[in-house]
Amino acid sequence: MEIRQLNYFIKAAELLHFTAAAAACFVTQSTLSQQIKQLEEDLGMLLFDRMGKQVKLTEAGNVFLTHAYQIMLDIKKSRQAIFELANMVNGELKIGVTYAFSSLLLPALTPFSEKYPGIMIHIEYGTAGELENKLKMADLDIILAFHEQRDSSGFEMQPVFSSKIVMGISKENPLAKLPKISLKELGKLDLILPSKGFSSRDLFDEIFRKNNIIPNTRIEMNDVHSLLSMVESGNWATIINEKAISTWENIAAVPISDKKLYKQAFILWQKGVYRKKSAMLFVEEFMKVV
């Protein structure tokens, strides 16, 4: 079994067309067909039902495809590990960041980049679910996120800090002077909240539901920076973890009186895989800032 055979098989399984798969792999159709046939002989099972130029995966083919993806992913990780050993702290670092974490990430980027100029940093924003899928596929090296501890399947979760859930509101708004606000009073305000599907929004919805409160949500946004910009310059209120507004000088954090609510911040690693040296160095630098 050879790596190129696995590549040919995966592409043919995705396109279900040998000619198109051969073109995508930059080989002739006869070469691709021959290599797949040899792979089938090695495995002792047919992977495709041939129907002219069109093909269809057999039951064995469907089973093998899952393993072929995993093998190629492991090869990708192995190559990265060897590359790092040869190049020390050069290379790429791919960091996934949930939107509410962005203001906490930025202070660490400049000192890290100055300290390790050979590392190219890629930052990708998204929801926790989107980023976790990319971490599983090794498209990201680490994730910085406010997360629920119970959602830890397949990940190693390194706690960073906990942050109190508060009402965020412009300091120009009279409500900013309140010592605290109840959930019931908060639910009556014109609220601008993260879109459904964000971990923070799911938490807020659950809190309101448990307290039989229907909040007056007027706007939903999937960009926390834009959301906070509207809060800062208008009469909107939002619900957010206190750390997320720590760099917004014109937004006040008003405690919620009913009970102490917190979100936990984590660094997420894929469980049981090699940790890139650049990622460990970044986490070291990041922890100094937070």
C-alpha atoms as a PDB file:
ATOM      1  CA  MET A   1       0.000   0.000   0.000  1.00  0.00           C
ATOM      2  CA  GLU A   2       1.461   3.344  -1.050  1.00  0.00           C
ATOM      3  CA  ILE A   3       0.559   6.933  -0.197  1.00  0.00           C
ATOM      4  CA  ARG A   4      -0.131   7.778  -3.831  1.00  0.00           C
ATOM      5  CA  GLN A   5      -2.562   4.853  -4.030  1.00  0.00           C
ATOM      6  CA  LEU A   6      -4.459   6.238  -1.058  1.00  0.00           C
ATOM      7  CA  ASN A   7      -4.560   9.681  -2.687  1.00  0.00           C
ATOM      8  CA  TYR A   8      -5.882   8.204  -5.933  1.00  0.00           C
ATOM      9  CA  PHE A   9      -8.476   6.140  -4.062  1.00  0.00           C
ATOM     10  CA  ILE A  10      -9.713   9.094  -1.987  1.00  0.00           C
ATOM     11  CA  LYS A  11     -10.055  11.356  -5.007  1.00  0.00           C
ATOM     12  CA  ALA A  12     -11.884   8.653  -6.995  1.00  0.00           C
ATOM     13  CA  ALA A  13     -14.190   8.021  -4.012  1.00  0.00           C
ATOM     14  CA  GLU A  14     -14.979  11.738  -3.750  1.00  0.00           C
ATOM     15  CA  LEU A  15     -15.628  12.255  -7.477  1.00  0.00           C
ATOM     16  CA  LEU A  16     -16.941   8.748  -8.339  1.00  0.00           C
ATOM     17  CA  HIS A  17     -15.338   9.138 -11.747  1.00  0.00           C
ATOM     18  CA  PHE A  18     -11.925   7.720 -12.614  1.00  0.00           C
ATOM     19  CA  THR A  19     -11.219  10.130 -15.486  1.00  0.00           C
ATOM     20  CA  ALA A  20     -12.061  13.198 -13.385  1.00  0.00           C
ATOM     21  CA  ALA A  21     -10.082  11.814 -10.445  1.00  0.00           C
ATOM     22  CA  ALA A  22      -7.054  11.171 -12.674  1.00  0.00           C
ATOM     23  CA  ALA A  23      -7.186  14.748 -13.969  1.00  0.00           C
ATOM     24  CA  ALA A  24      -7.399  16.076 -10.398  1.00  0.00           C
ATOM     25  CA  CYS A  25      -4.343  13.988  -9.463  1.00  0.00           C
ATOM     26  CA  PHE A  26      -2.447  15.005 -12.638  1.00  0.00           C
ATOM     27  CA  VAL A  27      -2.021  11.413 -13.849  1.00  0.00           C
ATOM     28  CA  THR A  28      -3.484   9.449 -16.727  1.00  0.00           C
ATOM     29  CA  GLN A  29      -6.711   7.543 -16.241  1.00  0.00           C
ATOM     30  CA  SER A  30      -4.925   4.246 -16.921  1.00  0.00           C
ATOM     31  CA  THR A  31      -2.320   4.996 -14.219  1.00  0.00           C
ATOM     32  CA  LEU A  32      -4.996   5.783 -11.648  1.00  0.00           C
ATOM     33  CA  SER A  33      -7.027   2.689 -12.557  1.00  0.00           C
ATOM     34  CA  GLN A  34      -3.942   0.465 -12.372  1.00  0.00           C
ATOM     35  CA  GLN A  35      -2.901   1.814  -8.957  1.00  0.00           C
ATOM     36  CA  ILE A  36      -6.395   1.405  -7.516  1.00  0.00           C
ATOM     37  CA  LYS A  37      -6.575  -2.140  -8.894  1.00  0.00           C
ATOM     38  CA  GLN A  38      -3.246  -2.930  -7.213  1.00  0.00           C
ATOM     39  CA  LEU A  39      -4.579  -1.475  -3.956  1.00  0.00           C
ATOM     40  CA  GLU A  40      -7.649  -3.711  -4.219  1.00  0.00           C
ATOM     41  CA  GLU A  41      -5.412  -6.736  -4.784  1.00  0.00           C
ATOM     42  CA  ASP A  42      -3.353  -5.862  -1.717  1.00  0.00           C
ATOM     43  CA  LEU A  43      -6.528  -5.558   0.375  1.00  0.00           C
ATOM     44  CA  GLY A  44      -8.168  -8.614  -1.171  1.00  0.00           C
ATOM     45  CA  MET A  45     -11.454  -6.719  -1.675  1.00  0.00           C
ATOM     46  CA  LEU A  46     -13.043  -4.671  -4.446  1.00  0.00           C
ATOM     47  CA  LEU A  47     -13.332  -1.020  -3.457  1.00  0.00           C
ATOM     48  CA  PHE A  48     -15.380   0.128  -6.475  1.00  0.00           C
ATOM     49  CA  ASP A  49     -18.145  -1.251  -8.637  1.00  0.00           C
ATOM     50  CA  ARG A  50     -17.171  -0.287 -12.201  1.00  0.00           C
ATOM     51  CA  MET A  51     -19.990   0.915 -14.443  1.00  0.00           C
ATOM     52  CA  GLY A  52     -18.163   2.265 -17.461  1.00  0.00           C
ATOM     53  CA  LYS A  53     -16.562   5.601 -16.607  1.00  0.00           C
ATOM     54  CA  GLN A  54     -18.845   5.974 -13.601  1.00  0.00           C
ATOM     55  CA  VAL A  55     -17.917   4.077 -10.433  1.00  0.00           C
ATOM     56  CA  LYS A  56     -19.587   3.395  -7.122  1.00  0.00           C
ATOM     57  CA  LEU A  57     -18.040   2.527  -3.772  1.00  0.00           C
ATOM     58  CA  THR A  58     -18.602  -0.994  -2.537  1.00  0.00           C
ATOM     59  CA  GLU A  59     -19.345  -1.671   1.114  1.00  0.00           C
ATOM     60  CA  ALA A  60     -15.623  -2.379   1.592  1.00  0.00           C
ATOM     61  CA  GLY A  61     -14.821   0.868  -0.213  1.00  0.00           C
ATOM     62  CA  ASN A  62     -16.970   2.894   2.168  1.00  0.00           C
ATOM     63  CA  VAL A  63     -15.296   1.292   5.179  1.00  0.00           C
ATOM     64  CA  PHE A  64     -11.805   1.797   3.759  1.00  0.00           C
ATOM     65  CA  LEU A  65     -12.474   5.451   2.875  1.00  0.00           C
ATOM     66  CA  THR A  66     -12.842   6.368   6.559  1.00  0.00           C
ATOM     67  CA  HIS A  67      -9.515   4.739   7.351  1.00  0.00           C
ATOM     68  CA  ALA A  68      -7.830   6.256   4.292  1.00  0.00           C
ATOM     69  CA  TYR A  69      -8.782   9.758   5.475  1.00  0.00           C
ATOM     70  CA  GLN A  70      -7.341   9.013   8.916  1.00  0.00           C
ATOM     71  CA  ILE A  71      -4.116   7.597   7.456  1.00  0.00           C
ATOM     72  CA  MET A  72      -3.591  10.719   5.327  1.00  0.00           C
ATOM     73  CA  LEU A  73      -4.316  12.931   8.342  1.00  0.00           C
ATOM     74  CA  ASP A  74      -1.742  11.032  10.424  1.00  0.00           C
ATOM     75  CA  ILE A  75       0.819  11.389   7.632  1.00  0.00           C
ATOM     76  CA  LYS A  76       0.151  15.138   7.521  1.00  0.00           C
ATOM     77  CA  LYS A  77       0.728  15.423  11.276  1.00  0.00           C
ATOM     78  CA  SER A  78       3.883  13.288  11.105  1.00  0.00           C
ATOM     79  CA  ARG A  79       5.372  15.448   8.372  1.00  0.00           C
ATOM     80  CA  GLN A  80       4.621  18.573  10.412  1.00  0.00           C
ATOM     81  CA  ALA A  81       6.370  17.082  13.448  1.00  0.00           C
ATOM     82  CA  ILE A  82       9.492  16.215  11.435  1.00  0.00           C
ATOM     83  CA  PHE A  83       9.452  19.644   9.760  1.00  0.00           C
ATOM     84  CA  GLU A  84       9.450  21.340  13.147  1.00  0.00           C
ATOM     85  CA  LEU A  85      12.362  19.259  14.405  1.00  0.00           C
ATOM     86  CA  ALA A  86      14.367  20.308  11.368  1.00  0.00           C
ATOM     87  CA  ASN A  87      13.343  23.957  11.463  1.00  0.00           C
ATOM     88  CA  MET A  88      12.979  24.522  15.208  1.00  0.00           C
ATOM     89  CA  VAL A  89      10.733  27.581  15.654  1.00  0.00           C
ATOM     90  CA  ASN A  90      10.088  28.346  12.017  1.00  0.00           C
ATOM     91  CA  GLY A  91       6.961  27.382  10.115  1.00  0.00           C
ATOM     92  CA  GLU A  92       3.265  28.121  10.520  1.00  0.00           C
ATOM     93  CA  LEU A  93       1.000  28.431  13.537  1.00  0.00           C
ATOM     94  CA  LYS A  94      -2.755  28.227  12.965  1.00  0.00           C
ATOM     95  CA  ILE A  95      -4.861  29.540  15.834  1.00  0.00           C
ATOM     96  CA  GLY A  96      -8.646  29.303  16.011  1.00  0.00           C
ATOM     97  CA  VAL A  97     -10.368  31.991  18.091  1.00  0.00           C
ATOM     98  CA  THR A  98     -14.010  32.355  19.058  1.00  0.00           C
ATOM     99  CA  TYR A  99     -15.314  35.865  18.475  1.00  0.00           C
ATOM    100  CA  ALA A 100     -15.637  36.821  22.146  1.00  0.00           C
ATOM    101  CA  PHE A 101     -11.974  35.948  22.677  1.00  0.00           C
ATOM    102  CA  SER A 102     -10.543  38.339  20.084  1.00  0.00           C
ATOM    103  CA  SER A 103      -9.740  41.243  22.407  1.00  0.00           C
ATOM    104  CA  LEU A 104      -7.842  38.879  24.713  1.00  0.00           C
ATOM    105  CA  LEU A 105      -5.757  37.412  21.888  1.00  0.00           C
ATOM    106  CA  LEU A 106      -4.474  40.642  20.358  1.00  0.00           C
ATOM    107  CA  PRO A 107      -2.124  41.736  23.210  1.00  0.00           C
ATOM    108  CA  ALA A 108      -0.184  38.460  22.876  1.00  0.00           C
ATOM    109  CA  LEU A 109       0.337  38.561  19.100  1.00  0.00           C
ATOM    110  CA  THR A 110       2.860  41.402  18.818  1.00  0.00           C
ATOM    111  CA  PRO A 111       5.310  40.252  21.518  1.00  0.00           C
ATOM    112  CA  PHE A 112       5.147  36.666  20.255  1.00  0.00           C
ATOM    113  CA  SER A 113       5.754  37.704  16.641  1.00  0.00           C
ATOM    114  CA  GLU A 114       8.689  39.898  17.670  1.00  0.00           C
ATOM    115  CA  LYS A 115      10.179  37.089  19.755  1.00  0.00           C
ATOM    116  CA  TYR A 116       9.749  34.419  17.045  1.00  0.00           C
ATOM    117  CA  PRO A 117       9.908  36.200  13.656  1.00  0.00           C
ATOM    118  CA  GLY A 118      10.321  32.894  11.812  1.00  0.00           C
ATOM    119  CA  ILE A 119       6.792  31.748  12.682  1.00  0.00           C
ATOM    120  CA  MET A 120       3.977  32.719  10.312  1.00  0.00           C
ATOM    121  CA  ILE A 121       0.765  33.136  12.319  1.00  0.00           C
ATOM    122  CA  HIS A 122      -2.683  32.462  10.869  1.00  0.00           C
ATOM    123  CA  ILE A 123      -5.703  33.567  12.923  1.00  0.00           C
ATOM    124  CA  GLU A 124      -9.141  32.169  12.099  1.00  0.00           C
ATOM    125  CA  TYR A 125     -12.311  33.356  13.810  1.00  0.00           C
ATOM    126  CA  GLY A 126     -15.423  31.227  14.090  1.00  0.00           C
ATOM    127  CA  THR A 127     -17.903  29.590  16.422  1.00  0.00           C
ATOM    128  CA  ALA A 128     -16.647  26.902  18.788  1.00  0.00           C
ATOM    129  CA  GLY A 129     -18.266  24.157  16.685  1.00  0.00           C
ATOM    130  CA  GLU A 130     -16.712  25.363  13.416  1.00  0.00           C
ATOM    131  CA  LEU A 131     -13.258  25.657  14.934  1.00  0.00           C
ATOM    132  CA  GLU A 132     -13.439  22.286  16.674  1.00  0.00           C
ATOM    133  CA  ASN A 133     -14.115  20.539  13.356  1.00  0.00           C
ATOM    134  CA  LYS A 134     -11.019  22.180  11.880  1.00  0.00           C
ATOM    135  CA  LEU A 135      -8.929  21.234  14.913  1.00  0.00           C
ATOM    136  CA  LYS A 136      -9.979  17.601  14.480  1.00  0.00           C
ATOM    137  CA  MET A 137      -8.821  17.715  10.847  1.00  0.00           C
ATOM    138  CA  ALA A 138      -5.480  19.350  11.833  1.00  0.00           C
ATOM    139  CA  ASP A 139      -6.420  22.524   9.937  1.00  0.00           C
ATOM    140  CA  LEU A 140      -5.839  24.360  13.235  1.00  0.00           C
ATOM    141  CA  ASP A 141      -3.184  23.810  15.887  1.00  0.00           C
ATOM    142  CA  ILE A 142      -5.000  25.234  18.930  1.00  0.00           C
ATOM    143  CA  ILE A 143      -8.271  26.969  19.764  1.00  0.00           C
ATOM    144  CA  LEU A 144      -8.845  29.796  22.240  1.00  0.00           C
ATOM    145  CA  ALA A 145     -12.452  29.741  23.387  1.00  0.00           C
ATOM    146  CA  PHE A 146     -14.983  30.214  26.126  1.00  0.00           C
ATOM    147  CA  HIS A 147     -16.303  26.689  26.339  1.00  0.00           C
ATOM    148  CA  GLU A 148     -18.316  24.227  28.378  1.00  0.00           C
ATOM    149  CA  GLN A 149     -16.207  21.628  30.191  1.00  0.00           C
ATOM    150  CA  ARG A 150     -18.745  18.895  29.365  1.00  0.00           C
ATOM    151  CA  ASP A 151     -18.159  19.393  25.614  1.00  0.00           C
ATOM    152  CA  SER A 152     -14.637  17.976  25.759  1.00  0.00           C
ATOM    153  CA  SER A 153     -14.887  14.845  23.613  1.00  0.00           C
ATOM    154  CA  GLY A 154     -11.722  14.426  21.529  1.00  0.00           C
ATOM    155  CA  PHE A 155      -9.988  17.452  23.068  1.00  0.00           C
ATOM    156  CA  GLU A 156      -7.594  18.259  25.849  1.00  0.00           C
ATOM    157  CA  MET A 157      -8.855  21.426  27.524  1.00  0.00           C
ATOM    158  CA  GLN A 158      -6.336  23.640  29.299  1.00  0.00           C
ATOM    159  CA  PRO A 159      -8.135  26.059  31.666  1.00  0.00           C
ATOM    160  CA  VAL A 160      -7.057  29.689  31.378  1.00  0.00           C
ATOM    161  CA  PHE A 161      -9.439  31.741  33.529  1.00  0.00           C
ATOM    162  CA  SER A 162     -13.111  32.180  34.355  1.00  0.00           C
ATOM    163  CA  SER A 163     -15.031  35.346  33.544  1.00  0.00           C
ATOM    164  CA  LYS A 164     -18.214  36.686  35.104  1.00  0.00           C
ATOM    165  CA  ILE A 165     -21.301  37.129  32.916  1.00  0.00           C
ATOM    166  CA  VAL A 166     -22.455  40.772  33.040  1.00  0.00           C
ATOM    167  CA  MET A 167     -24.641  43.286  31.253  1.00  0.00           C
ATOM    168  CA  GLY A 168     -22.553  45.338  28.835  1.00  0.00           C
ATOM    169  CA  ILE A 169     -23.822  48.856  28.192  1.00  0.00           C
ATOM    170  CA  SER A 170     -22.454  52.229  27.087  1.00  0.00           C
ATOM    171  CA  LYS A 171     -21.027  54.313  29.933  1.00  0.00           C
ATOM    172  CA  GLU A 172     -23.126  57.195  28.564  1.00  0.00           C
ATOM    173  CA  ASN A 173     -26.295  55.243  29.336  1.00  0.00           C
ATOM    174  CA  PRO A 174     -27.840  56.039  32.772  1.00  0.00           C
ATOM    175  CA  LEU A 175     -28.147  52.282  33.422  1.00  0.00           C
ATOM    176  CA  ALA A 176     -24.344  52.051  33.482  1.00  0.00           C
ATOM    177  CA  LYS A 177     -24.451  53.550  36.984  1.00  0.00           C
ATOM    178  CA  LEU A 178     -26.550  50.695  38.379  1.00  0.00           C
ATOM    179  CA  PRO A 179     -24.757  48.633  41.056  1.00  0.00           C
ATOM    180  CA  LYS A 180     -26.473  45.544  39.625  1.00  0.00           C
ATOM    181  CA  ILE A 181     -29.439  44.453  37.487  1.00  0.00           C
ATOM    182  CA  SER A 182     -31.803  41.487  37.747  1.00  0.00           C
ATOM    183  CA  LEU A 183     -32.445  39.036  34.943  1.00  0.00           C
ATOM    184  CA  LYS A 184     -36.072  40.151  34.825  1.00  0.00           C
ATOM    185  CA  GLU A 185     -35.103  43.811  34.396  1.00  0.00           C
ATOM    186  CA  LEU A 186     -32.434  42.871  31.869  1.00  0.00           C
ATOM    187  CA  GLY A 187     -34.936  40.920  29.784  1.00  0.00           C
ATOM    188  CA  LYS A 188     -37.040  44.058  29.311  1.00  0.00           C
ATOM    189  CA  LEU A 189     -34.229  46.105  27.766  1.00  0.00           C
ATOM    190  CA  ASP A 190     -33.503  46.404  24.049  1.00  0.00           C
ATOM    191  CA  LEU A 191     -30.922  43.654  23.698  1.00  0.00           C
ATOM    192  CA  ILE A 192     -28.378  42.965  20.999  1.00  0.00           C
ATOM    193  CA  LEU A 193     -26.998  39.437  21.361  1.00  0.00           C
ATOM    194  CA  PRO A 194     -24.675  36.999  19.588  1.00  0.00           C
ATOM    195  CA  SER A 195     -26.418  34.822  17.018  1.00  0.00           C
ATOM    196  CA  LYS A 196     -27.915  31.497  18.043  1.00  0.00           C
ATOM    197  CA  GLY A 197     -25.322  28.750  17.884  1.00  0.00           C
ATOM    198  CA  PHE A 198     -22.679  30.776  19.707  1.00  0.00           C
ATOM    199  CA  SER A 199     -21.824  29.086  23.015  1.00  0.00           C
ATOM    200  CA  SER A 200     -22.468  32.331  24.913  1.00  0.00           C
ATOM    201  CA  ARG A 201     -25.878  32.777  23.267  1.00  0.00           C
ATOM    202  CA  ASP A 202     -26.846  29.189  24.082  1.00  0.00           C
ATOM    203  CA  LEU A 203     -25.943  29.881  27.711  1.00  0.00           C
ATOM    204  CA  PHE A 204     -28.008  33.097  27.832  1.00  0.00           C
ATOM    205  CA  ASP A 205     -31.030  31.396  26.281  1.00  0.00           C
ATOM    206  CA  GLU A 206     -30.824  28.580  28.829  1.00  0.00           C
ATOM    207  CA  ILE A 207     -30.608  31.042  31.725  1.00  0.00           C
ATOM    208  CA  PHE A 208     -33.653  32.988  30.531  1.00  0.00           C
ATOM    209  CA  ARG A 209     -35.615  29.793  29.875  1.00  0.00           C
ATOM    210  CA  LYS A 210     -34.922  28.439  33.358  1.00  0.00           C
ATOM    211  CA  ASN A 211     -36.168  31.726  34.828  1.00  0.00           C
ATOM    212  CA  ASN A 212     -39.281  31.867  32.584  1.00  0.00           C
ATOM    213  CA  ILE A 213     -38.157  35.124  30.990  1.00  0.00           C
ATOM    214  CA  ILE A 214     -38.654  36.000  27.323  1.00  0.00           C
ATOM    215  CA  PRO A 215     -35.903  38.547  26.552  1.00  0.00           C
ATOM    216  CA  ASN A 216     -36.503  41.537  24.294  1.00  0.00           C
ATOM    217  CA  THR A 217     -33.862  40.554  21.736  1.00  0.00           C
ATOM    218  CA  ARG A 218     -33.955  43.160  18.969  1.00  0.00           C
ATOM    219  CA  ILE A 219     -30.788  42.315  17.019  1.00  0.00           C
ATOM    220  CA  GLU A 220     -28.658  39.196  16.620  1.00  0.00           C
ATOM    221  CA  MET A 221     -25.104  39.422  15.217  1.00  0.00           C
ATOM    222  CA  ASN A 222     -22.382  36.870  14.465  1.00  0.00           C
ATOM    223  CA  ASP A 223     -19.584  39.435  14.875  1.00  0.00           C
ATOM    224  CA  VAL A 224     -18.855  40.351  18.480  1.00  0.00           C
ATOM    225  CA  HIS A 225     -16.709  43.367  17.551  1.00  0.00           C
ATOM    226  CA  SER A 226     -19.585  44.915  15.571  1.00  0.00           C
ATOM    227  CA  LEU A 227     -21.986  44.035  18.373  1.00  0.00           C
ATOM    228  CA  LEU A 228     -19.864  45.828  20.969  1.00  0.00           C
ATOM    229  CA  SER A 229     -19.391  48.807  18.657  1.00  0.00           C
ATOM    230  CA  MET A 230     -23.192  49.236  18.570  1.00  0.00           C
ATOM    231  CA  VAL A 231     -23.420  48.868  22.344  1.00  0.00           C
ATOM    232  CA  GLU A 232     -20.647  51.444  22.824  1.00  0.00           C
ATOM    233  CA  SER A 233     -22.284  54.064  20.626  1.00  0.00           C
ATOM    234  CA  GLY A 234     -25.988  53.484  21.257  1.00  0.00           C
ATOM    235  CA  ASN A 235     -28.690  52.620  23.768  1.00  0.00           C
ATOM    236  CA  TRP A 236     -28.344  48.878  23.360  1.00  0.00           C
ATOM    237  CA  ALA A 237     -27.565  46.439  26.139  1.00  0.00           C
ATOM    238  CA  THR A 238     -25.917  43.052  25.737  1.00  0.00           C
ATOM    239  CA  ILE A 239     -25.008  40.083  27.911  1.00  0.00           C
ATOM    240  CA  ILE A 240     -21.388  39.083  27.732  1.00  0.00           C
ATOM    241  CA  ASN A 241     -18.495  37.739  29.767  1.00  0.00           C
ATOM    242  CA  GLU A 242     -16.660  40.541  31.532  1.00  0.00           C
ATOM    243  CA  LYS A 243     -13.221  39.715  30.088  1.00  0.00           C
ATOM    244  CA  ALA A 244     -14.513  40.219  26.537  1.00  0.00           C
ATOM    245  CA  ILE A 245     -15.121  43.921  27.191  1.00  0.00           C
ATOM    246  CA  SER A 246     -11.958  44.544  29.223  1.00  0.00           C
ATOM    247  CA  THR A 247     -10.388  46.572  26.379  1.00  0.00           C
ATOM    248  CA  TRP A 248     -13.567  48.550  25.575  1.00  0.00           C
ATOM    249  CA  GLU A 249     -13.103  51.707  27.630  1.00  0.00           C
ATOM    250  CA  ASN A 250     -16.566  53.118  26.918  1.00  0.00           C
ATOM    251  CA  ILE A 251     -18.553  50.010  27.847  1.00  0.00           C
ATOM    252  CA  ALA A 252     -19.562  49.428  31.468  1.00  0.00           C
ATOM    253  CA  ALA A 253     -19.957  45.980  33.042  1.00  0.00           C
ATOM    254  CA  VAL A 254     -23.033  45.831  35.281  1.00  0.00           C
ATOM    255  CA  PRO A 255     -23.294  42.704  37.489  1.00  0.00           C
ATOM    256  CA  ILE A 256     -26.366  40.473  37.170  1.00  0.00           C
ATOM    257  CA  SER A 257     -27.866  40.113  40.625  1.00  0.00           C
ATOM    258  CA  ASP A 258     -29.814  36.836  40.482  1.00  0.00           C
ATOM    259  CA  LYS A 259     -26.767  34.607  40.802  1.00  0.00           C
ATOM    260  CA  LYS A 260     -23.114  34.586  39.877  1.00  0.00           C
ATOM    261  CA  LEU A 261     -22.768  33.395  36.297  1.00  0.00           C
ATOM    262  CA  TYR A 262     -19.409  32.532  34.772  1.00  0.00           C
ATOM    263  CA  LYS A 263     -17.898  31.375  31.486  1.00  0.00           C
ATOM    264  CA  GLN A 264     -14.685  29.363  31.530  1.00  0.00           C
ATOM    265  CA  ALA A 265     -11.919  30.115  29.044  1.00  0.00           C
ATOM    266  CA  PHE A 266      -9.867  27.241  27.657  1.00  0.00           C
ATOM    267  CA  ILE A 267      -7.080  26.448  25.248  1.00  0.00           C
ATOM    268  CA  LEU A 268      -8.185  23.411  23.250  1.00  0.00           C
ATOM    269  CA  TRP A 269      -5.734  20.852  21.867  1.00  0.00           C
ATOM    270  CA  GLN A 270      -6.564  17.760  19.874  1.00  0.00           C
ATOM    271  CA  LYS A 271      -6.336  14.823  22.247  1.00  0.00           C
ATOM    272  CA  GLY A 272      -3.453  12.391  21.943  1.00  0.00           C
ATOM    273  CA  VAL A 273      -1.578  14.030  19.046  1.00  0.00           C
ATOM    274  CA  TYR A 274       1.781  15.730  18.663  1.00  0.00           C
ATOM    275  CA  ARG A 275       1.801  19.324  19.918  1.00  0.00           C
ATOM    276  CA  LYS A 276       3.632  21.742  17.655  1.00  0.00           C
ATOM    277  CA  LYS A 277       6.517  23.533  19.296  1.00  0.00           C
ATOM    278  CA  SER A 278       5.306  26.875  17.932  1.00  0.00           C
ATOM    279  CA  ALA A 279       1.884  26.295  19.524  1.00  0.00           C
ATOM    280  CA  MET A 280       3.417  25.523  22.917  1.00  0.00           C
ATOM    281  CA  LEU A 281       5.601  28.635  22.697  1.00  0.00           C
ATOM    282  CA  PHE A 282       2.568  30.759  21.840  1.00  0.00           C
ATOM    283  CA  VAL A 283       0.560  29.380  24.769  1.00  0.00           C
ATOM    284  CA  GLU A 284       3.491  30.204  27.045  1.00  0.00           C
ATOM    285  CA  GLU A 285       3.497  33.802  25.779  1.00  0.00           C
ATOM    286  CA  PHE A 286      -0.304  34.060  25.881  1.00  0.00           C
ATOM    287  CA  MET A 287      -0.468  32.956  29.509  1.00  0.00           C
ATOM    288  CA  LYS A 288       1.904  35.793  30.447  1.00  0.00           C
ATOM    289  CA  VAL A 289      -0.568  38.315  29.003  1.00  0.00           C
ATOM    290  CA  VAL A 290      -3.773  36.910  30.502  1.00  0.00           C
END
